[in-house]
Amino acid sequence: MDSERIKIIDRKIKKTSGKILNIGTTGSIMHSVLLKQNPAKKITGLDIVAANQKENTVKGDITKAPFPDSEFELIIAGEIIEHLKFPNKTEKMLKECLRILKKRGSLIITTPNKKAWSNILFHKFDHANPEYGGHEKIFLPRELEEFVRKNGFGEIQKKTTYYTEESSPGQRKAVYFVRKLADKIMPGALKEQIILLAKKV
């Protein structure tokens, strides 16, 4: 798996010496990929659907996380925030991330870009993934940054990137190829994925 999203997250994991939490493992292959690429790292999965002992995943809800204060150095929330009721559940998620992060710990959020070319043309993200609760809120990049900052995070960096298989596995290979190709020729504002990195300050 060589997507830009995985590469960015993987680089951050390799620079992290403490515990890492990956939120949401059902319906995604990202947790398996990160575990395989970082066998020596302490990566815990949190999933609302089911635990998986083999992949060190516990069952739980990030809006009331089953972890003590200051437990993690890095939290990864890939394709999660758009499934939560806005603003109450999304605010609870960020509050819990602050609580369980160590001081100067980092949060990575990836989520669909509301301004993406595919959403403008086909409304691809408006009500996607109904089996996992559907999409409740799709953010613009600046809107996501402002929301995360308002809820206690700082030193925010963000970028947009192309649609990736680990975001939504199970489709035909041609779908990923065509959408990746389309994203590569789009200006940054129209790319399909937002990647945001923020620190607990």
N, C-alpha and C. Protein backbone atom coordinates (compact mmCIF):
# COMPACT_ATOMS: atom_id res chain seq x y z
N MET A 1 0.85 -1.18 0.00
CA MET A 1 0.00 0.00 0.00
C MET A 1 0.89 1.23 0.00
N ASP A 2 0.83 2.03 -1.06
CA ASP A 2 1.74 3.16 -1.18
C ASP A 2 1.00 4.48 -1.35
N SER A 3 -0.22 4.58 -0.83
CA SER A 3 -0.97 5.82 -0.98
C SER A 3 -0.30 6.94 -0.20
N GLU A 4 -0.53 8.16 -0.63
CA GLU A 4 0.07 9.31 0.04
C GLU A 4 -0.42 9.41 1.48
N ARG A 5 -1.67 9.07 1.71
CA ARG A 5 -2.21 9.13 3.07
C ARG A 5 -1.47 8.16 3.99
N ILE A 6 -1.28 6.92 3.54
CA ILE A 6 -0.55 5.94 4.33
C ILE A 6 0.88 6.40 4.57
N LYS A 7 1.52 6.96 3.55
CA LYS A 7 2.90 7.41 3.69
C LYS A 7 3.02 8.50 4.74
N ILE A 8 2.11 9.47 4.73
CA ILE A 8 2.14 10.57 5.70
C ILE A 8 1.94 10.03 7.11
N ILE A 9 0.95 9.16 7.29
CA ILE A 9 0.68 8.58 8.61
C ILE A 9 1.84 7.71 9.06
N ASP A 10 2.39 6.92 8.14
CA ASP A 10 3.48 6.02 8.46
C ASP A 10 4.72 6.79 8.91
N ARG A 11 5.01 7.91 8.24
CA ARG A 11 6.17 8.73 8.65
C ARG A 11 5.99 9.25 10.07
N LYS A 12 4.76 9.66 10.39
CA LYS A 12 4.49 10.17 11.74
C LYS A 12 4.62 9.05 12.77
N ILE A 13 4.13 7.86 12.45
CA ILE A 13 4.25 6.71 13.36
C ILE A 13 5.72 6.41 13.64
N LYS A 14 6.54 6.42 12.61
CA LYS A 14 7.95 6.08 12.78
C LYS A 14 8.69 7.10 13.66
N LYS A 15 8.17 8.32 13.76
CA LYS A 15 8.77 9.35 14.61
C LYS A 15 8.19 9.34 16.02
N THR A 16 7.21 8.47 16.26
CA THR A 16 6.52 8.42 17.55
C THR A 16 7.08 7.29 18.40
N SER A 17 7.49 7.64 19.63
CA SER A 17 8.06 6.61 20.50
C SER A 17 7.04 6.04 21.48
N GLY A 18 5.97 6.78 21.74
CA GLY A 18 4.96 6.34 22.70
C GLY A 18 3.84 5.55 22.06
N LYS A 19 2.75 5.39 22.82
CA LYS A 19 1.60 4.61 22.36
C LYS A 19 0.82 5.36 21.28
N ILE A 20 0.23 4.56 20.38
CA ILE A 20 -0.52 5.11 19.24
C ILE A 20 -1.92 4.50 19.24
N LEU A 21 -2.92 5.33 18.98
CA LEU A 21 -4.31 4.86 18.88
C LEU A 21 -4.81 5.11 17.47
N ASN A 22 -5.38 4.07 16.86
CA ASN A 22 -6.02 4.20 15.55
C ASN A 22 -7.52 3.97 15.73
N ILE A 23 -8.32 4.99 15.44
CA ILE A 23 -9.76 4.93 15.68
C ILE A 23 -10.48 4.43 14.43
N GLY A 24 -11.33 3.41 14.62
CA GLY A 24 -12.17 2.93 13.53
C GLY A 24 -11.43 1.95 12.63
N THR A 25 -11.66 0.66 12.84
CA THR A 25 -10.95 -0.35 12.05
C THR A 25 -11.89 -1.16 11.15
N THR A 26 -13.18 -1.22 11.48
CA THR A 26 -14.13 -1.95 10.64
C THR A 26 -14.38 -1.17 9.35
N GLY A 27 -14.38 -1.88 8.22
CA GLY A 27 -14.65 -1.23 6.94
C GLY A 27 -13.44 -0.54 6.34
N SER A 28 -12.27 -0.73 6.94
CA SER A 28 -11.05 -0.12 6.44
C SER A 28 -9.91 -1.13 6.56
N ILE A 29 -8.93 -1.04 5.68
CA ILE A 29 -7.77 -1.92 5.78
C ILE A 29 -6.56 -1.16 6.33
N MET A 30 -6.75 0.11 6.71
CA MET A 30 -5.61 0.91 7.13
C MET A 30 -4.94 0.37 8.39
N HIS A 31 -5.73 -0.10 9.36
CA HIS A 31 -5.15 -0.58 10.61
C HIS A 31 -4.23 -1.77 10.34
N SER A 32 -4.66 -2.70 9.51
CA SER A 32 -3.85 -3.87 9.16
C SER A 32 -2.55 -3.44 8.48
N VAL A 33 -2.66 -2.47 7.58
CA VAL A 33 -1.48 -1.98 6.85
C VAL A 33 -0.48 -1.34 7.82
N LEU A 34 -0.99 -0.50 8.73
CA LEU A 34 -0.10 0.19 9.67
C LEU A 34 0.57 -0.80 10.62
N LEU A 35 -0.17 -1.81 11.08
CA LEU A 35 0.43 -2.83 11.94
C LEU A 35 1.54 -3.60 11.22
N LYS A 36 1.28 -3.95 9.97
CA LYS A 36 2.26 -4.70 9.18
C LYS A 36 3.52 -3.89 8.94
N GLN A 37 3.35 -2.58 8.69
CA GLN A 37 4.50 -1.73 8.39
C GLN A 37 5.25 -1.29 9.65
N ASN A 38 4.63 -1.44 10.81
CA ASN A 38 5.23 -0.97 12.06
C ASN A 38 5.07 -2.02 13.16
N PRO A 39 5.63 -3.22 12.97
CA PRO A 39 5.40 -4.31 13.93
C PRO A 39 5.94 -4.03 15.34
N ALA A 40 6.93 -3.14 15.44
CA ALA A 40 7.53 -2.87 16.75
C ALA A 40 6.82 -1.75 17.51
N LYS A 41 5.89 -1.07 16.87
CA LYS A 41 5.20 0.06 17.50
C LYS A 41 3.99 -0.42 18.30
N LYS A 42 3.65 0.36 19.34
CA LYS A 42 2.51 0.03 20.19
C LYS A 42 1.25 0.70 19.61
N ILE A 43 0.61 0.02 18.65
CA ILE A 43 -0.58 0.58 17.99
C ILE A 43 -1.82 -0.17 18.47
N THR A 44 -2.74 0.57 19.08
CA THR A 44 -4.02 0.01 19.53
C THR A 44 -5.12 0.50 18.60
N GLY A 45 -6.03 -0.39 18.25
CA GLY A 45 -7.20 0.00 17.48
C GLY A 45 -8.40 0.19 18.39
N LEU A 46 -9.25 1.15 18.07
CA LEU A 46 -10.52 1.36 18.79
C LEU A 46 -11.63 1.31 17.77
N ASP A 47 -12.59 0.39 17.98
CA ASP A 47 -13.65 0.24 16.99
C ASP A 47 -15.00 0.09 17.69
N ILE A 48 -16.01 0.77 17.19
CA ILE A 48 -17.32 0.76 17.83
C ILE A 48 -18.09 -0.54 17.53
N VAL A 49 -17.65 -1.27 16.48
CA VAL A 49 -18.36 -2.47 16.06
C VAL A 49 -17.88 -3.71 16.80
N ALA A 50 -16.56 -3.94 16.83
CA ALA A 50 -16.06 -5.19 17.40
C ALA A 50 -14.60 -5.08 17.78
N ALA A 51 -14.20 -5.89 18.76
CA ALA A 51 -12.79 -6.02 19.13
C ALA A 51 -12.14 -7.08 18.25
N ASN A 52 -10.83 -7.00 18.12
CA ASN A 52 -10.07 -7.99 17.36
C ASN A 52 -8.73 -8.16 18.07
N GLN A 53 -8.64 -9.21 18.86
CA GLN A 53 -7.45 -9.43 19.68
C GLN A 53 -6.20 -9.57 18.82
N LYS A 54 -6.33 -10.24 17.69
CA LYS A 54 -5.18 -10.46 16.81
C LYS A 54 -4.58 -9.15 16.32
N GLU A 55 -5.43 -8.14 16.12
CA GLU A 55 -4.94 -6.84 15.64
C GLU A 55 -4.92 -5.79 16.75
N ASN A 56 -4.97 -6.25 18.00
CA ASN A 56 -4.90 -5.36 19.15
C ASN A 56 -5.96 -4.25 19.08
N THR A 57 -7.18 -4.64 18.75
CA THR A 57 -8.30 -3.70 18.67
C THR A 57 -9.27 -3.95 19.80
N VAL A 58 -9.67 -2.88 20.49
CA VAL A 58 -10.66 -2.98 21.56
C VAL A 58 -11.96 -2.34 21.09
N LYS A 59 -13.07 -2.82 21.64
CA LYS A 59 -14.37 -2.26 21.28
C LYS A 59 -14.65 -1.05 22.16
N GLY A 60 -15.09 0.04 21.52
CA GLY A 60 -15.40 1.23 22.28
C GLY A 60 -15.74 2.40 21.38
N ASP A 61 -16.18 3.49 21.99
CA ASP A 61 -16.66 4.68 21.30
C ASP A 61 -15.72 5.83 21.62
N ILE A 62 -15.19 6.50 20.60
CA ILE A 62 -14.23 7.58 20.82
C ILE A 62 -14.87 8.79 21.52
N THR A 63 -16.18 8.90 21.51
CA THR A 63 -16.80 10.02 22.22
C THR A 63 -16.86 9.77 23.73
N LYS A 64 -16.53 8.55 24.16
CA LYS A 64 -16.36 8.21 25.58
C LYS A 64 -15.29 7.12 25.66
N ALA A 65 -14.08 7.51 25.32
CA ALA A 65 -12.98 6.58 25.12
C ALA A 65 -12.63 5.79 26.38
N PRO A 66 -12.43 4.47 26.25
CA PRO A 66 -12.14 3.62 27.41
C PRO A 66 -10.65 3.59 27.75
N PHE A 67 -10.05 4.78 27.86
CA PHE A 67 -8.62 4.89 28.15
C PHE A 67 -8.38 5.97 29.20
N PRO A 68 -7.29 5.84 29.97
CA PRO A 68 -6.98 6.86 30.97
C PRO A 68 -6.44 8.15 30.32
N ASP A 69 -6.38 9.20 31.11
CA ASP A 69 -5.83 10.47 30.64
C ASP A 69 -4.39 10.30 30.18
N SER A 70 -4.01 11.07 29.17
CA SER A 70 -2.62 11.15 28.71
C SER A 70 -2.01 9.79 28.37
N GLU A 71 -2.79 8.94 27.72
CA GLU A 71 -2.34 7.57 27.42
C GLU A 71 -1.53 7.50 26.13
N PHE A 72 -1.86 8.34 25.14
CA PHE A 72 -1.29 8.17 23.80
C PHE A 72 -0.46 9.38 23.37
N GLU A 73 0.53 9.09 22.55
CA GLU A 73 1.34 10.14 21.95
C GLU A 73 0.79 10.56 20.59
N LEU A 74 0.10 9.63 19.94
CA LEU A 74 -0.46 9.89 18.60
C LEU A 74 -1.81 9.22 18.48
N ILE A 75 -2.79 9.95 17.94
CA ILE A 75 -4.11 9.39 17.62
C ILE A 75 -4.36 9.59 16.14
N ILE A 76 -4.80 8.52 15.48
CA ILE A 76 -5.15 8.56 14.06
C ILE A 76 -6.66 8.36 13.95
N ALA A 77 -7.33 9.30 13.32
CA ALA A 77 -8.78 9.21 13.12
C ALA A 77 -9.05 9.26 11.62
N GLY A 78 -8.96 8.10 10.97
CA GLY A 78 -9.12 8.02 9.53
C GLY A 78 -10.55 7.75 9.13
N GLU A 79 -11.16 8.70 8.42
CA GLU A 79 -12.53 8.56 7.92
C GLU A 79 -13.52 8.28 9.05
N ILE A 80 -13.43 9.05 10.13
CA ILE A 80 -14.29 8.89 11.29
C ILE A 80 -15.17 10.12 11.52
N ILE A 81 -14.57 11.30 11.48
CA ILE A 81 -15.26 12.51 11.92
C ILE A 81 -16.52 12.78 11.09
N GLU A 82 -16.50 12.38 9.82
CA GLU A 82 -17.67 12.64 8.96
C GLU A 82 -18.87 11.78 9.32
N HIS A 83 -18.67 10.72 10.11
CA HIS A 83 -19.76 9.82 10.49
C HIS A 83 -20.45 10.24 11.80
N LEU A 84 -19.90 11.24 12.48
CA LEU A 84 -20.44 11.65 13.79
C LEU A 84 -21.37 12.84 13.65
N LYS A 85 -22.40 12.87 14.50
CA LYS A 85 -23.34 13.99 14.49
C LYS A 85 -22.60 15.29 14.77
N PHE A 86 -22.87 16.28 13.96
CA PHE A 86 -22.21 17.58 14.09
C PHE A 86 -23.18 18.59 14.71
N PRO A 87 -22.78 19.39 15.69
CA PRO A 87 -21.41 19.44 16.22
C PRO A 87 -21.21 18.65 17.52
N ASN A 88 -22.28 18.14 18.13
CA ASN A 88 -22.13 17.60 19.50
C ASN A 88 -21.21 16.39 19.57
N LYS A 89 -21.39 15.41 18.68
CA LYS A 89 -20.55 14.20 18.73
C LYS A 89 -19.12 14.48 18.27
N THR A 90 -18.98 15.34 17.26
CA THR A 90 -17.63 15.67 16.79
C THR A 90 -16.86 16.44 17.86
N GLU A 91 -17.54 17.31 18.59
CA GLU A 91 -16.89 18.04 19.69
C GLU A 91 -16.49 17.08 20.81
N LYS A 92 -17.36 16.10 21.10
CA LYS A 92 -17.03 15.11 22.13
C LYS A 92 -15.82 14.28 21.72
N MET A 93 -15.74 13.93 20.44
CA MET A 93 -14.58 13.19 19.95
C MET A 93 -13.30 13.96 20.18
N LEU A 94 -13.29 15.24 19.81
CA LEU A 94 -12.08 16.05 19.96
C LEU A 94 -11.74 16.27 21.43
N LYS A 95 -12.75 16.43 22.26
CA LYS A 95 -12.52 16.59 23.70
C LYS A 95 -11.87 15.34 24.28
N GLU A 96 -12.35 14.16 23.87
CA GLU A 96 -11.78 12.91 24.34
C GLU A 96 -10.36 12.70 23.80
N CYS A 97 -10.13 13.09 22.57
CA CYS A 97 -8.77 13.00 22.02
C CYS A 97 -7.81 13.86 22.82
N LEU A 98 -8.23 15.07 23.18
CA LEU A 98 -7.40 15.93 24.03
C LEU A 98 -7.12 15.26 25.37
N ARG A 99 -8.14 14.65 25.94
CA ARG A 99 -7.99 14.03 27.27
C ARG A 99 -6.99 12.88 27.26
N ILE A 100 -7.06 12.03 26.24
CA ILE A 100 -6.22 10.83 26.25
C ILE A 100 -4.87 11.03 25.57
N LEU A 101 -4.65 12.20 24.96
CA LEU A 101 -3.35 12.51 24.39
C LEU A 101 -2.41 13.05 25.45
N LYS A 102 -1.14 12.72 25.34
CA LYS A 102 -0.12 13.33 26.17
C LYS A 102 0.06 14.79 25.75
N LYS A 103 0.65 15.59 26.61
CA LYS A 103 0.98 16.96 26.26
C LYS A 103 1.89 16.96 25.04
N ARG A 104 1.58 17.80 24.07
CA ARG A 104 2.29 17.88 22.80
C ARG A 104 2.05 16.66 21.91
N GLY A 105 1.07 15.83 22.29
CA GLY A 105 0.71 14.70 21.44
C GLY A 105 0.01 15.18 20.18
N SER A 106 -0.06 14.31 19.18
CA SER A 106 -0.59 14.69 17.86
C SER A 106 -1.85 13.92 17.50
N LEU A 107 -2.70 14.59 16.75
CA LEU A 107 -3.92 13.99 16.19
C LEU A 107 -3.87 14.12 14.68
N ILE A 108 -4.08 13.02 13.99
CA ILE A 108 -4.21 13.04 12.52
C ILE A 108 -5.66 12.72 12.18
N ILE A 109 -6.30 13.60 11.44
CA ILE A 109 -7.66 13.38 10.95
C ILE A 109 -7.60 13.30 9.43
N THR A 110 -8.21 12.25 8.86
CA THR A 110 -8.43 12.22 7.42
C THR A 110 -9.93 12.10 7.18
N THR A 111 -10.40 12.81 6.17
CA THR A 111 -11.83 12.88 5.91
C THR A 111 -12.06 13.34 4.48
N PRO A 112 -13.20 13.03 3.88
CA PRO A 112 -13.47 13.52 2.52
C PRO A 112 -13.54 15.04 2.46
N ASN A 113 -13.16 15.57 1.33
CA ASN A 113 -13.19 17.02 1.07
C ASN A 113 -14.51 17.39 0.40
N LYS A 114 -15.27 18.24 1.05
CA LYS A 114 -16.58 18.64 0.51
C LYS A 114 -16.45 19.28 -0.87
N LYS A 115 -15.32 19.97 -1.09
CA LYS A 115 -15.13 20.67 -2.36
C LYS A 115 -14.49 19.78 -3.43
N ALA A 116 -14.33 18.50 -3.16
CA ALA A 116 -13.71 17.59 -4.12
C ALA A 116 -14.48 17.58 -5.44
N TRP A 117 -13.74 17.39 -6.51
CA TRP A 117 -14.36 17.35 -7.84
C TRP A 117 -15.47 16.32 -7.91
N SER A 118 -15.25 15.14 -7.30
CA SER A 118 -16.26 14.07 -7.38
C SER A 118 -17.51 14.40 -6.58
N ASN A 119 -17.35 15.19 -5.52
CA ASN A 119 -18.52 15.57 -4.73
C ASN A 119 -19.31 16.66 -5.44
N ILE A 120 -18.60 17.59 -6.08
CA ILE A 120 -19.27 18.64 -6.84
C ILE A 120 -20.07 18.04 -8.00
N LEU A 121 -19.46 17.06 -8.70
CA LEU A 121 -20.11 16.48 -9.88
C LEU A 121 -21.15 15.42 -9.55
N PHE A 122 -20.83 14.55 -8.60
CA PHE A 122 -21.66 13.36 -8.37
C PHE A 122 -22.19 13.23 -6.94
N HIS A 123 -21.86 14.16 -6.05
CA HIS A 123 -22.26 14.09 -4.64
C HIS A 123 -21.83 12.77 -4.01
N LYS A 124 -20.60 12.37 -4.32
CA LYS A 124 -20.06 11.09 -3.86
C LYS A 124 -20.02 10.96 -2.34
N PHE A 125 -19.81 12.07 -1.63
CA PHE A 125 -19.59 11.98 -0.19
C PHE A 125 -20.80 12.41 0.64
N ASP A 126 -21.84 12.90 0.00
CA ASP A 126 -22.95 13.49 0.76
C ASP A 126 -23.59 12.50 1.73
N HIS A 127 -23.87 11.28 1.26
CA HIS A 127 -24.54 10.29 2.12
C HIS A 127 -23.87 8.93 1.99
N ALA A 128 -22.54 8.93 1.88
CA ALA A 128 -21.82 7.68 1.62
C ALA A 128 -21.80 6.75 2.83
N ASN A 129 -21.51 5.49 2.56
CA ASN A 129 -21.31 4.45 3.60
C ASN A 129 -22.45 4.32 4.59
N PRO A 130 -23.69 4.11 4.14
CA PRO A 130 -24.80 3.99 5.08
C PRO A 130 -24.67 2.83 6.05
N GLU A 131 -23.91 1.79 5.69
CA GLU A 131 -23.76 0.64 6.59
C GLU A 131 -22.98 1.00 7.85
N TYR A 132 -22.22 2.11 7.81
CA TYR A 132 -21.50 2.57 9.00
C TYR A 132 -22.08 3.88 9.52
N GLY A 133 -23.38 4.09 9.29
CA GLY A 133 -24.04 5.26 9.84
C GLY A 133 -24.14 6.42 8.88
N GLY A 134 -23.59 6.29 7.68
CA GLY A 134 -23.68 7.37 6.71
C GLY A 134 -22.78 8.54 7.06
N HIS A 135 -22.72 9.50 6.16
CA HIS A 135 -21.94 10.71 6.39
C HIS A 135 -22.85 11.79 6.95
N GLU A 136 -22.51 12.28 8.13
CA GLU A 136 -23.32 13.31 8.80
C GLU A 136 -22.86 14.72 8.45
N LYS A 137 -21.55 14.89 8.30
CA LYS A 137 -20.99 16.21 8.06
C LYS A 137 -19.74 16.09 7.21
N ILE A 138 -19.72 16.74 6.05
CA ILE A 138 -18.55 16.78 5.18
C ILE A 138 -17.95 18.18 5.29
N PHE A 139 -16.65 18.25 5.52
CA PHE A 139 -15.98 19.51 5.78
C PHE A 139 -15.23 20.04 4.55
N LEU A 140 -15.15 21.35 4.46
CA LEU A 140 -14.17 22.01 3.62
C LEU A 140 -12.85 22.03 4.40
N PRO A 141 -11.70 22.04 3.74
CA PRO A 141 -10.43 22.03 4.47
C PRO A 141 -10.31 23.14 5.52
N ARG A 142 -10.61 24.37 5.15
CA ARG A 142 -10.50 25.48 6.11
C ARG A 142 -11.50 25.33 7.25
N GLU A 143 -12.69 24.84 6.92
CA GLU A 143 -13.72 24.63 7.94
C GLU A 143 -13.28 23.60 8.98
N LEU A 144 -12.65 22.52 8.51
CA LEU A 144 -12.16 21.50 9.43
C LEU A 144 -11.06 22.07 10.32
N GLU A 145 -10.14 22.81 9.73
CA GLU A 145 -9.07 23.43 10.51
C GLU A 145 -9.63 24.34 11.59
N GLU A 146 -10.59 25.18 11.25
CA GLU A 146 -11.18 26.11 12.22
C GLU A 146 -11.90 25.36 13.33
N PHE A 147 -12.59 24.27 12.97
CA PHE A 147 -13.33 23.48 13.97
C PHE A 147 -12.38 22.81 14.95
N VAL A 148 -11.30 22.23 14.44
CA VAL A 148 -10.32 21.55 15.29
C VAL A 148 -9.61 22.56 16.19
N ARG A 149 -9.28 23.72 15.65
CA ARG A 149 -8.63 24.77 16.44
C ARG A 149 -9.56 25.28 17.54
N LYS A 150 -10.83 25.47 17.20
CA LYS A 150 -11.81 25.96 18.18
C LYS A 150 -11.97 24.98 19.34
N ASN A 151 -11.70 23.70 19.08
CA ASN A 151 -11.88 22.67 20.10
C ASN A 151 -10.57 22.27 20.79
N GLY A 152 -9.60 23.19 20.81
CA GLY A 152 -8.47 23.03 21.71
C GLY A 152 -7.15 22.58 21.11
N PHE A 153 -7.08 22.37 19.80
CA PHE A 153 -5.83 21.95 19.18
C PHE A 153 -5.14 23.14 18.52
N GLY A 154 -3.83 22.99 18.31
CA GLY A 154 -3.06 24.05 17.66
C GLY A 154 -2.02 23.47 16.73
N GLU A 155 -1.15 24.36 16.22
CA GLU A 155 -0.07 23.97 15.30
C GLU A 155 -0.59 23.07 14.19
N ILE A 156 -1.64 23.52 13.54
CA ILE A 156 -2.35 22.69 12.56
C ILE A 156 -1.71 22.78 11.18
N GLN A 157 -1.51 21.62 10.59
CA GLN A 157 -1.06 21.51 9.20
C GLN A 157 -2.11 20.70 8.44
N LYS A 158 -2.34 21.05 7.19
CA LYS A 158 -3.31 20.28 6.42
C LYS A 158 -2.91 20.23 4.96
N LYS A 159 -3.36 19.19 4.29
CA LYS A 159 -3.18 19.10 2.84
C LYS A 159 -4.31 18.26 2.28
N THR A 160 -4.44 18.28 0.98
CA THR A 160 -5.42 17.43 0.31
C THR A 160 -4.68 16.43 -0.56
N THR A 161 -5.29 15.28 -0.76
CA THR A 161 -4.65 14.24 -1.55
C THR A 161 -5.72 13.41 -2.27
N TYR A 162 -5.28 12.37 -2.96
CA TYR A 162 -6.18 11.61 -3.81
C TYR A 162 -6.93 10.52 -3.04
N TYR A 163 -7.97 10.03 -3.64
CA TYR A 163 -8.82 8.96 -3.11
C TYR A 163 -8.03 7.67 -3.02
N THR A 164 -8.15 6.95 -1.90
CA THR A 164 -7.30 5.79 -1.69
C THR A 164 -8.09 4.54 -1.31
N GLU A 165 -7.49 3.40 -1.61
CA GLU A 165 -8.17 2.12 -1.38
C GLU A 165 -8.43 1.86 0.10
N GLU A 166 -7.48 2.24 0.97
CA GLU A 166 -7.69 1.95 2.39
C GLU A 166 -8.85 2.75 2.98
N SER A 167 -9.25 3.84 2.30
CA SER A 167 -10.42 4.62 2.76
C SER A 167 -11.71 3.84 2.56
N SER A 168 -11.79 3.14 1.44
CA SER A 168 -13.03 2.47 1.08
C SER A 168 -12.72 1.22 0.25
N PRO A 169 -12.27 0.15 0.90
CA PRO A 169 -11.87 -1.06 0.17
C PRO A 169 -13.06 -1.79 -0.43
N GLY A 170 -12.77 -2.69 -1.36
CA GLY A 170 -13.81 -3.56 -1.89
C GLY A 170 -14.35 -3.18 -3.24
N GLN A 171 -13.91 -2.03 -3.78
CA GLN A 171 -14.37 -1.65 -5.10
C GLN A 171 -13.43 -2.22 -6.16
N ARG A 172 -13.86 -2.14 -7.41
CA ARG A 172 -13.02 -2.61 -8.50
C ARG A 172 -11.75 -1.78 -8.59
N LYS A 173 -10.62 -2.43 -8.95
CA LYS A 173 -9.33 -1.73 -9.02
C LYS A 173 -9.40 -0.52 -9.95
N ALA A 174 -10.19 -0.63 -11.01
CA ALA A 174 -10.28 0.46 -11.98
C ALA A 174 -10.82 1.74 -11.33
N VAL A 175 -11.68 1.60 -10.32
CA VAL A 175 -12.25 2.77 -9.64
C VAL A 175 -11.14 3.57 -8.97
N TYR A 176 -10.25 2.87 -8.25
CA TYR A 176 -9.16 3.56 -7.56
C TYR A 176 -8.20 4.20 -8.56
N PHE A 177 -7.92 3.47 -9.64
CA PHE A 177 -6.99 3.98 -10.65
C PHE A 177 -7.53 5.26 -11.29
N VAL A 178 -8.79 5.24 -11.70
CA VAL A 178 -9.37 6.39 -12.40
C VAL A 178 -9.48 7.59 -11.46
N ARG A 179 -9.92 7.36 -10.22
CA ARG A 179 -10.09 8.49 -9.30
C ARG A 179 -8.74 9.05 -8.85
N LYS A 180 -7.75 8.17 -8.68
CA LYS A 180 -6.40 8.65 -8.33
C LYS A 180 -5.84 9.49 -9.48
N LEU A 181 -6.03 9.01 -10.71
CA LEU A 181 -5.55 9.74 -11.88
C LEU A 181 -6.23 11.10 -11.98
N ALA A 182 -7.54 11.12 -11.76
CA ALA A 182 -8.28 12.39 -11.80
C ALA A 182 -7.80 13.34 -10.72
N ASP A 183 -7.59 12.82 -9.51
CA ASP A 183 -7.14 13.67 -8.41
C ASP A 183 -5.76 14.25 -8.68
N LYS A 184 -4.90 13.48 -9.33
CA LYS A 184 -3.53 13.95 -9.57
C LYS A 184 -3.48 15.16 -10.48
N ILE A 185 -4.47 15.32 -11.35
CA ILE A 185 -4.46 16.47 -12.25
C ILE A 185 -5.32 17.62 -11.72
N MET A 186 -5.97 17.41 -10.58
CA MET A 186 -6.80 18.46 -9.99
C MET A 186 -5.96 19.39 -9.12
N PRO A 187 -6.35 20.67 -9.05
CA PRO A 187 -5.70 21.55 -8.07
C PRO A 187 -6.00 21.05 -6.66
N GLY A 188 -5.17 21.44 -5.70
CA GLY A 188 -5.30 20.94 -4.33
C GLY A 188 -6.68 21.10 -3.74
N ALA A 189 -7.35 22.21 -4.02
CA ALA A 189 -8.66 22.47 -3.42
C ALA A 189 -9.72 21.47 -3.85
N LEU A 190 -9.50 20.79 -5.00
CA LEU A 190 -10.49 19.88 -5.54
C LEU A 190 -10.15 18.40 -5.31
N LYS A 191 -9.05 18.11 -4.64
CA LYS A 191 -8.70 16.72 -4.37
C LYS A 191 -9.66 16.13 -3.34
N GLU A 192 -9.76 14.79 -3.30
CA GLU A 192 -10.86 14.14 -2.58
C GLU A 192 -10.65 13.97 -1.08
N GLN A 193 -9.41 13.93 -0.62
CA GLN A 193 -9.17 13.64 0.80
C GLN A 193 -8.48 14.82 1.48
N ILE A 194 -8.90 15.11 2.72
CA ILE A 194 -8.20 16.06 3.58
C ILE A 194 -7.38 15.26 4.58
N ILE A 195 -6.12 15.66 4.78
CA ILE A 195 -5.29 15.12 5.86
C ILE A 195 -4.90 16.31 6.74
N LEU A 196 -5.29 16.22 8.01
CA LEU A 196 -5.02 17.31 8.95
C LEU A 196 -4.21 16.77 10.14
N LEU A 197 -3.15 17.47 10.47
CA LEU A 197 -2.31 17.12 11.61
C LEU A 197 -2.37 18.26 12.61
N ALA A 198 -2.71 17.95 13.88
CA ALA A 198 -2.82 18.97 14.92
C ALA A 198 -2.15 18.50 16.19
N LYS A 199 -1.76 19.44 17.03
CA LYS A 199 -1.11 19.09 18.29
C LYS A 199 -1.95 19.53 19.49
N LYS A 200 -1.84 18.76 20.56
CA LYS A 200 -2.40 19.17 21.85
C LYS A 200 -1.43 20.19 22.44
N VAL A 201 -1.90 21.41 22.66
CA VAL A 201 -1.01 22.47 23.12
C VAL A 201 -1.43 22.97 24.50
